[in-house]
Every structure is written in structure tokens, then in C-alpha cells.
């Protein structure tokens, strides 16, 4: 891992973007990485099918918290569909990495998988 990417991860770990709660969110969902104990709660407020505000709260390793922080920045203004389509390559790109070990991938993906699960649940409860 190059120094510049390590610095980005550490910066977002020590000074996360959008960490906190949203009052009366449209989406609020929590999950835990049972392999390492990382925990995250994702919050979103929507305007139609677009994420207007995204925040997270939680505790865990630098990679899980940095990826949740970076996700909140990227997901603002995205459609539900586009967020649901985010994958491992997108998360690695946000972190500035080419690869991670399988254990670390689970850490990096915790925030996005949690938000996706919440958006899918939100969609399933909305009238057509």
C-alpha cells in the first residue's frame, strides 16, 4: 500500500466525513462484521429516489471506518439504483487500493453492504 493511500485511509479514520446520526432518517440500518467486530450504522435521507443526505456511526478498524466515510461522500446525490450497484471495485477505488486480503475486503465492504441492505428494505416497503 503506497504512503499516499495509507494517509487517505488514516485521515478518514481519524477525521471521518459525515459521522453522526440523521434525525428521522428514511433509512437506518446497522450491521456487524462478525469476523473482526467492526460495527456500522448507516443513515440516509432521500429525496425521491436520490440520496440527499448520508451519514454513518460505528466503530472498527481504519479500513472499515475510512470506507464508510468515503462512501457517505460518494453516495450523496446518487440514485438508489446506483448505490445498490456499487461493488468491491468501487470501494477499492474509493480507498485508492488495488486489492486487499479477503478479511480486509469484508471490512472495506461493511458500510456499502449495510447501506445497500437498508436501501433494498426501503424500496420493498414503498408503494409502487
N, C-alpha and C. Protein backbone atom coordinates (compact mmCIF):
# COMPACT_ATOMS: atom_id res chain seq x y z
N UNK A 1 0.86 -1.17 0.00
CA UNK A 1 0.00 0.00 0.00
C UNK A 1 0.90 1.23 0.00
N UNK A 2 0.67 2.15 -0.94
CA UNK A 2 1.53 3.33 -1.01
C UNK A 2 1.20 4.29 0.14
N UNK A 3 2.17 5.13 0.44
CA UNK A 3 2.02 6.07 1.56
C UNK A 3 0.83 7.02 1.37
N UNK A 4 0.60 7.48 0.13
CA UNK A 4 -0.49 8.43 -0.11
C UNK A 4 -1.84 7.79 0.21
N UNK A 5 -2.02 6.52 -0.13
CA UNK A 5 -3.28 5.85 0.15
C UNK A 5 -3.41 5.54 1.63
N UNK A 6 -2.31 5.18 2.27
CA UNK A 6 -2.34 4.97 3.71
C UNK A 6 -2.74 6.26 4.41
N UNK A 7 -2.23 7.38 3.93
CA UNK A 7 -2.58 8.68 4.52
C UNK A 7 -4.07 8.98 4.34
N UNK A 8 -4.62 8.68 3.17
CA UNK A 8 -6.04 8.90 2.92
C UNK A 8 -6.88 8.07 3.88
N UNK A 9 -6.55 6.80 4.02
CA UNK A 9 -7.29 5.92 4.92
C UNK A 9 -7.18 6.42 6.34
N UNK A 10 -5.98 6.75 6.79
CA UNK A 10 -5.82 7.25 8.16
C UNK A 10 -6.55 8.56 8.38
N UNK A 11 -6.53 9.44 7.38
CA UNK A 11 -7.23 10.72 7.51
C UNK A 11 -8.73 10.47 7.71
N UNK A 12 -9.32 9.61 6.89
CA UNK A 12 -10.75 9.35 7.01
C UNK A 12 -11.09 8.56 8.27
N UNK A 13 -10.13 7.82 8.78
CA UNK A 13 -10.34 7.11 10.04
C UNK A 13 -10.32 8.09 11.22
N UNK A 14 -9.34 8.98 11.20
CA UNK A 14 -9.18 9.94 12.31
C UNK A 14 -10.12 11.13 12.20
N UNK A 15 -10.50 11.51 10.98
CA UNK A 15 -11.37 12.67 10.74
C UNK A 15 -12.45 12.29 9.73
N UNK A 16 -13.36 11.39 10.12
CA UNK A 16 -14.34 10.90 9.15
C UNK A 16 -15.32 11.96 8.69
N UNK A 17 -15.69 11.85 7.44
CA UNK A 17 -16.73 12.71 6.88
C UNK A 17 -18.09 12.13 7.25
N UNK A 18 -19.02 13.00 7.56
CA UNK A 18 -20.41 12.61 7.77
C UNK A 18 -20.62 11.56 8.86
N UNK A 19 -19.80 11.61 9.89
CA UNK A 19 -20.01 10.69 11.01
C UNK A 19 -21.04 11.32 11.94
N UNK A 20 -22.05 10.55 12.28
CA UNK A 20 -23.10 11.04 13.14
C UNK A 20 -24.42 10.43 12.74
N UNK A 21 -25.48 10.98 13.27
CA UNK A 21 -26.81 10.45 13.03
C UNK A 21 -27.65 11.46 12.27
N UNK A 22 -28.65 10.97 11.56
CA UNK A 22 -29.64 11.80 10.90
C UNK A 22 -30.94 11.64 11.68
N UNK A 23 -31.51 12.76 12.09
CA UNK A 23 -32.80 12.71 12.78
C UNK A 23 -33.89 12.32 11.78
N UNK A 24 -34.73 11.39 12.16
CA UNK A 24 -35.84 10.92 11.32
C UNK A 24 -35.38 10.51 9.92
N UNK A 25 -34.44 9.58 9.82
CA UNK A 25 -33.95 9.17 8.51
C UNK A 25 -34.97 8.30 7.78
N UNK A 26 -34.86 8.27 6.47
CA UNK A 26 -35.65 7.34 5.68
C UNK A 26 -35.08 5.93 5.80
N UNK A 27 -33.76 5.85 5.96
CA UNK A 27 -33.07 4.57 6.10
C UNK A 27 -32.17 4.64 7.32
N UNK A 28 -32.30 3.64 8.17
CA UNK A 28 -31.39 3.46 9.31
C UNK A 28 -31.20 1.96 9.46
N UNK A 29 -29.95 1.52 9.32
CA UNK A 29 -29.67 0.09 9.39
C UNK A 29 -28.27 -0.14 9.95
N UNK A 30 -28.16 -1.15 10.77
CA UNK A 30 -26.88 -1.49 11.41
C UNK A 30 -26.45 -2.88 11.00
N UNK A 31 -25.14 -3.09 11.02
CA UNK A 31 -24.60 -4.42 10.77
C UNK A 31 -23.23 -4.52 11.44
N UNK A 32 -22.79 -5.75 11.59
CA UNK A 32 -21.52 -6.04 12.23
C UNK A 32 -20.74 -7.03 11.38
N UNK A 33 -19.45 -6.83 11.29
CA UNK A 33 -18.57 -7.81 10.68
C UNK A 33 -18.20 -8.78 11.79
N UNK A 34 -18.81 -9.94 11.78
CA UNK A 34 -18.62 -10.89 12.87
C UNK A 34 -17.20 -11.44 12.93
N UNK A 35 -16.44 -11.35 11.85
CA UNK A 35 -15.07 -11.84 11.85
C UNK A 35 -14.14 -10.98 12.68
N UNK A 36 -14.43 -9.66 12.74
CA UNK A 36 -13.49 -8.78 13.46
C UNK A 36 -14.18 -7.86 14.47
N UNK A 37 -15.50 -7.79 14.43
CA UNK A 37 -16.21 -6.96 15.40
C UNK A 37 -16.51 -5.54 14.95
N UNK A 38 -16.13 -5.17 13.72
CA UNK A 38 -16.48 -3.83 13.22
C UNK A 38 -18.00 -3.68 13.20
N UNK A 39 -18.47 -2.50 13.60
CA UNK A 39 -19.90 -2.22 13.62
C UNK A 39 -20.16 -0.91 12.92
N UNK A 40 -21.26 -0.86 12.15
CA UNK A 40 -21.62 0.37 11.47
C UNK A 40 -23.14 0.50 11.42
N UNK A 41 -23.59 1.73 11.57
CA UNK A 41 -24.98 2.09 11.35
C UNK A 41 -24.98 3.14 10.24
N UNK A 42 -25.76 2.87 9.20
CA UNK A 42 -25.85 3.80 8.08
C UNK A 42 -27.20 4.49 8.13
N UNK A 43 -27.20 5.80 7.86
CA UNK A 43 -28.40 6.63 7.85
C UNK A 43 -28.50 7.30 6.48
N UNK A 44 -29.71 7.41 5.97
CA UNK A 44 -29.90 8.13 4.71
C UNK A 44 -31.24 8.84 4.71
N UNK A 45 -31.23 10.03 4.13
CA UNK A 45 -32.46 10.78 3.86
C UNK A 45 -32.54 10.88 2.34
N UNK A 46 -33.73 10.56 1.84
CA UNK A 46 -33.92 10.54 0.40
C UNK A 46 -34.83 11.66 -0.07
N UNK A 47 -34.60 12.07 -1.29
CA UNK A 47 -35.48 12.99 -1.99
C UNK A 47 -35.91 12.23 -3.23
N UNK A 48 -37.08 11.62 -3.15
CA UNK A 48 -37.50 10.71 -4.23
C UNK A 48 -36.64 9.47 -4.17
N UNK A 49 -35.91 9.21 -5.26
CA UNK A 49 -35.04 8.04 -5.32
C UNK A 49 -33.56 8.42 -5.26
N UNK A 50 -33.29 9.64 -4.77
CA UNK A 50 -31.92 10.14 -4.70
C UNK A 50 -31.52 10.34 -3.23
N UNK A 51 -30.32 9.91 -2.88
CA UNK A 51 -29.82 10.08 -1.53
C UNK A 51 -29.41 11.54 -1.34
N UNK A 52 -30.13 12.22 -0.50
CA UNK A 52 -29.90 13.64 -0.26
C UNK A 52 -28.87 13.85 0.86
N UNK A 53 -28.93 12.99 1.87
CA UNK A 53 -28.01 13.07 3.00
C UNK A 53 -27.66 11.65 3.43
N UNK A 54 -26.37 11.42 3.71
CA UNK A 54 -25.90 10.10 4.13
C UNK A 54 -24.91 10.30 5.27
N UNK A 55 -25.11 9.56 6.36
CA UNK A 55 -24.20 9.60 7.49
C UNK A 55 -23.99 8.19 8.01
N UNK A 56 -22.97 8.04 8.83
CA UNK A 56 -22.72 6.74 9.44
C UNK A 56 -22.25 6.94 10.87
N UNK A 57 -22.40 5.90 11.66
CA UNK A 57 -21.87 5.86 13.01
C UNK A 57 -21.34 4.46 13.21
N UNK A 58 -20.36 4.31 14.06
CA UNK A 58 -19.85 2.98 14.32
C UNK A 58 -18.45 3.00 14.86
N UNK A 59 -17.90 1.81 14.97
CA UNK A 59 -16.54 1.64 15.47
C UNK A 59 -15.93 0.44 14.78
N UNK A 60 -14.65 0.56 14.48
CA UNK A 60 -13.97 -0.56 13.84
C UNK A 60 -12.58 -0.17 13.39
N UNK A 61 -12.03 -0.98 12.53
CA UNK A 61 -10.67 -0.75 12.05
C UNK A 61 -10.63 0.45 11.09
N UNK A 62 -9.43 0.87 10.78
CA UNK A 62 -9.23 2.03 9.91
C UNK A 62 -9.88 1.82 8.54
N UNK A 63 -9.78 0.63 7.99
CA UNK A 63 -10.33 0.40 6.66
C UNK A 63 -11.85 0.46 6.66
N UNK A 64 -12.50 -0.15 7.64
CA UNK A 64 -13.97 -0.13 7.66
C UNK A 64 -14.50 1.28 7.89
N UNK A 65 -13.88 2.03 8.78
CA UNK A 65 -14.36 3.38 9.07
C UNK A 65 -14.03 4.35 7.93
N UNK A 66 -12.85 4.19 7.32
CA UNK A 66 -12.49 5.05 6.19
C UNK A 66 -13.41 4.78 5.00
N UNK A 67 -13.72 3.52 4.75
CA UNK A 67 -14.58 3.22 3.61
C UNK A 67 -16.00 3.73 3.85
N UNK A 68 -16.49 3.66 5.09
CA UNK A 68 -17.82 4.21 5.39
C UNK A 68 -17.81 5.73 5.20
N UNK A 69 -16.74 6.39 5.64
CA UNK A 69 -16.61 7.83 5.47
C UNK A 69 -16.60 8.22 4.00
N UNK A 70 -15.78 7.54 3.22
CA UNK A 70 -15.70 7.82 1.78
C UNK A 70 -17.01 7.51 1.08
N UNK A 71 -17.69 6.46 1.51
CA UNK A 71 -18.98 6.10 0.94
C UNK A 71 -19.99 7.22 1.14
N UNK A 72 -20.03 7.82 2.32
CA UNK A 72 -21.01 8.88 2.57
C UNK A 72 -20.78 10.05 1.63
N UNK A 73 -19.52 10.34 1.33
CA UNK A 73 -19.21 11.42 0.39
C UNK A 73 -19.68 11.07 -1.01
N UNK A 74 -19.41 9.86 -1.42
CA UNK A 74 -19.73 9.44 -2.79
C UNK A 74 -21.23 9.25 -3.01
N UNK A 75 -21.92 8.71 -2.00
CA UNK A 75 -23.33 8.35 -2.18
C UNK A 75 -24.27 9.55 -2.22
N UNK A 76 -23.89 10.67 -1.64
CA UNK A 76 -24.74 11.85 -1.70
C UNK A 76 -24.99 12.24 -3.14
N UNK A 77 -26.27 12.35 -3.49
CA UNK A 77 -26.64 12.72 -4.84
C UNK A 77 -26.80 11.53 -5.78
N UNK A 78 -26.46 10.34 -5.32
CA UNK A 78 -26.62 9.15 -6.16
C UNK A 78 -28.04 8.61 -6.05
N UNK A 79 -28.46 7.91 -7.08
CA UNK A 79 -29.77 7.25 -7.04
C UNK A 79 -29.65 5.97 -6.21
N UNK A 80 -30.80 5.51 -5.74
CA UNK A 80 -30.82 4.24 -5.01
C UNK A 80 -30.20 3.14 -5.86
N UNK A 81 -30.60 3.08 -7.11
CA UNK A 81 -30.10 2.05 -8.02
C UNK A 81 -28.58 2.08 -8.13
N UNK A 82 -28.01 3.29 -8.28
CA UNK A 82 -26.56 3.40 -8.43
C UNK A 82 -25.83 2.97 -7.17
N UNK A 83 -26.38 3.26 -6.00
CA UNK A 83 -25.75 2.84 -4.75
C UNK A 83 -25.83 1.32 -4.64
N UNK A 84 -26.96 0.75 -4.98
CA UNK A 84 -27.12 -0.70 -4.90
C UNK A 84 -26.15 -1.41 -5.85
N UNK A 85 -25.77 -0.76 -6.93
CA UNK A 85 -24.86 -1.36 -7.90
C UNK A 85 -23.38 -1.20 -7.54
N UNK A 86 -23.06 -0.43 -6.49
CA UNK A 86 -21.66 -0.29 -6.08
C UNK A 86 -21.11 -1.66 -5.68
N UNK A 87 -19.88 -1.93 -6.08
CA UNK A 87 -19.27 -3.22 -5.78
C UNK A 87 -17.88 -3.07 -5.19
N UNK A 88 -17.22 -4.19 -5.08
CA UNK A 88 -15.90 -4.25 -4.48
C UNK A 88 -14.91 -3.35 -5.20
N UNK A 89 -14.94 -3.33 -6.51
CA UNK A 89 -14.02 -2.49 -7.29
C UNK A 89 -14.23 -1.01 -6.95
N UNK A 90 -15.50 -0.60 -6.80
CA UNK A 90 -15.80 0.79 -6.47
C UNK A 90 -15.25 1.16 -5.09
N UNK A 91 -15.41 0.26 -4.13
CA UNK A 91 -14.93 0.52 -2.78
C UNK A 91 -13.41 0.59 -2.76
N UNK A 92 -12.75 -0.33 -3.44
CA UNK A 92 -11.28 -0.28 -3.51
C UNK A 92 -10.82 1.01 -4.17
N UNK A 93 -11.54 1.44 -5.20
CA UNK A 93 -11.21 2.70 -5.88
C UNK A 93 -11.34 3.89 -4.92
N UNK A 94 -12.42 3.90 -4.13
CA UNK A 94 -12.60 4.98 -3.15
C UNK A 94 -11.45 5.02 -2.17
N UNK A 95 -10.98 3.84 -1.77
CA UNK A 95 -9.87 3.74 -0.81
C UNK A 95 -8.52 3.97 -1.47
N UNK A 96 -8.49 3.96 -2.80
CA UNK A 96 -7.24 4.14 -3.53
C UNK A 96 -6.38 2.90 -3.52
N UNK A 97 -7.01 1.74 -3.46
CA UNK A 97 -6.28 0.47 -3.39
C UNK A 97 -6.61 -0.40 -4.59
N UNK A 98 -5.68 -1.29 -4.93
CA UNK A 98 -5.93 -2.25 -6.00
C UNK A 98 -6.49 -3.55 -5.45
N UNK A 99 -6.09 -3.91 -4.25
CA UNK A 99 -6.57 -5.16 -3.67
C UNK A 99 -6.41 -5.13 -2.15
N UNK A 100 -7.08 -6.07 -1.52
CA UNK A 100 -6.98 -6.29 -0.08
C UNK A 100 -7.12 -7.78 0.16
N UNK A 101 -6.70 -8.23 1.31
CA UNK A 101 -6.91 -9.63 1.68
C UNK A 101 -8.41 -9.87 1.86
N UNK A 102 -8.85 -11.11 1.75
CA UNK A 102 -10.28 -11.40 1.92
C UNK A 102 -10.85 -10.87 3.25
N UNK A 103 -10.10 -10.96 4.32
CA UNK A 103 -10.56 -10.45 5.62
C UNK A 103 -10.75 -8.94 5.56
N UNK A 104 -9.80 -8.25 4.95
CA UNK A 104 -9.88 -6.79 4.85
C UNK A 104 -10.95 -6.34 3.88
N UNK A 105 -11.25 -7.15 2.85
CA UNK A 105 -12.34 -6.83 1.93
C UNK A 105 -13.65 -6.77 2.71
N UNK A 106 -13.85 -7.71 3.62
CA UNK A 106 -15.07 -7.71 4.44
C UNK A 106 -15.16 -6.42 5.25
N UNK A 107 -14.04 -5.94 5.75
CA UNK A 107 -14.01 -4.67 6.49
C UNK A 107 -14.37 -3.51 5.57
N UNK A 108 -13.75 -3.48 4.40
CA UNK A 108 -13.96 -2.38 3.45
C UNK A 108 -15.40 -2.35 2.93
N UNK A 109 -16.03 -3.50 2.80
CA UNK A 109 -17.36 -3.59 2.22
C UNK A 109 -18.49 -3.42 3.24
N UNK A 110 -18.18 -3.37 4.52
CA UNK A 110 -19.21 -3.32 5.55
C UNK A 110 -20.17 -2.15 5.36
N UNK A 111 -19.66 -0.95 5.18
CA UNK A 111 -20.52 0.22 5.03
C UNK A 111 -21.42 0.15 3.81
N UNK A 112 -20.84 -0.19 2.66
CA UNK A 112 -21.63 -0.22 1.43
C UNK A 112 -22.66 -1.33 1.46
N UNK A 113 -22.29 -2.50 1.96
CA UNK A 113 -23.25 -3.61 2.03
C UNK A 113 -24.40 -3.28 2.99
N UNK A 114 -24.08 -2.60 4.08
CA UNK A 114 -25.11 -2.22 5.04
C UNK A 114 -26.06 -1.20 4.43
N UNK A 115 -25.52 -0.17 3.78
CA UNK A 115 -26.36 0.84 3.14
C UNK A 115 -27.21 0.21 2.05
N UNK A 116 -26.63 -0.67 1.25
CA UNK A 116 -27.39 -1.34 0.20
C UNK A 116 -28.55 -2.14 0.79
N UNK A 117 -28.29 -2.87 1.86
CA UNK A 117 -29.34 -3.65 2.51
C UNK A 117 -30.47 -2.73 2.98
N UNK A 118 -30.12 -1.59 3.55
CA UNK A 118 -31.12 -0.63 4.01
C UNK A 118 -31.94 -0.06 2.87
N UNK A 119 -31.28 0.24 1.76
CA UNK A 119 -31.99 0.79 0.60
C UNK A 119 -32.92 -0.24 -0.03
N UNK A 120 -32.49 -1.49 -0.06
CA UNK A 120 -33.34 -2.55 -0.59
C UNK A 120 -34.57 -2.72 0.30
N UNK A 121 -34.38 -2.69 1.60
CA UNK A 121 -35.52 -2.77 2.53
C UNK A 121 -36.45 -1.57 2.34
N UNK A 122 -35.89 -0.38 2.19
CA UNK A 122 -36.67 0.83 1.97
C UNK A 122 -37.51 0.69 0.70
N UNK A 123 -36.89 0.22 -0.36
CA UNK A 123 -37.58 0.05 -1.64
C UNK A 123 -38.73 -0.96 -1.52
N UNK A 124 -38.50 -2.01 -0.75
CA UNK A 124 -39.52 -3.06 -0.65
C UNK A 124 -40.77 -2.59 0.12
N UNK A 125 -40.62 -1.53 0.91
CA UNK A 125 -41.74 -1.01 1.70
C UNK A 125 -42.48 0.13 1.01
N UNK A 126 -41.89 0.66 -0.07
CA UNK A 126 -42.52 1.78 -0.79
C UNK A 126 -43.60 1.26 -1.72
N UNK A 127 -44.75 1.94 -1.77
CA UNK A 127 -45.77 1.54 -2.74
C UNK A 127 -45.28 1.78 -4.16
N UNK A 128 -45.73 0.95 -5.07
CA UNK A 128 -45.27 1.05 -6.47
C UNK A 128 -45.93 2.18 -7.18
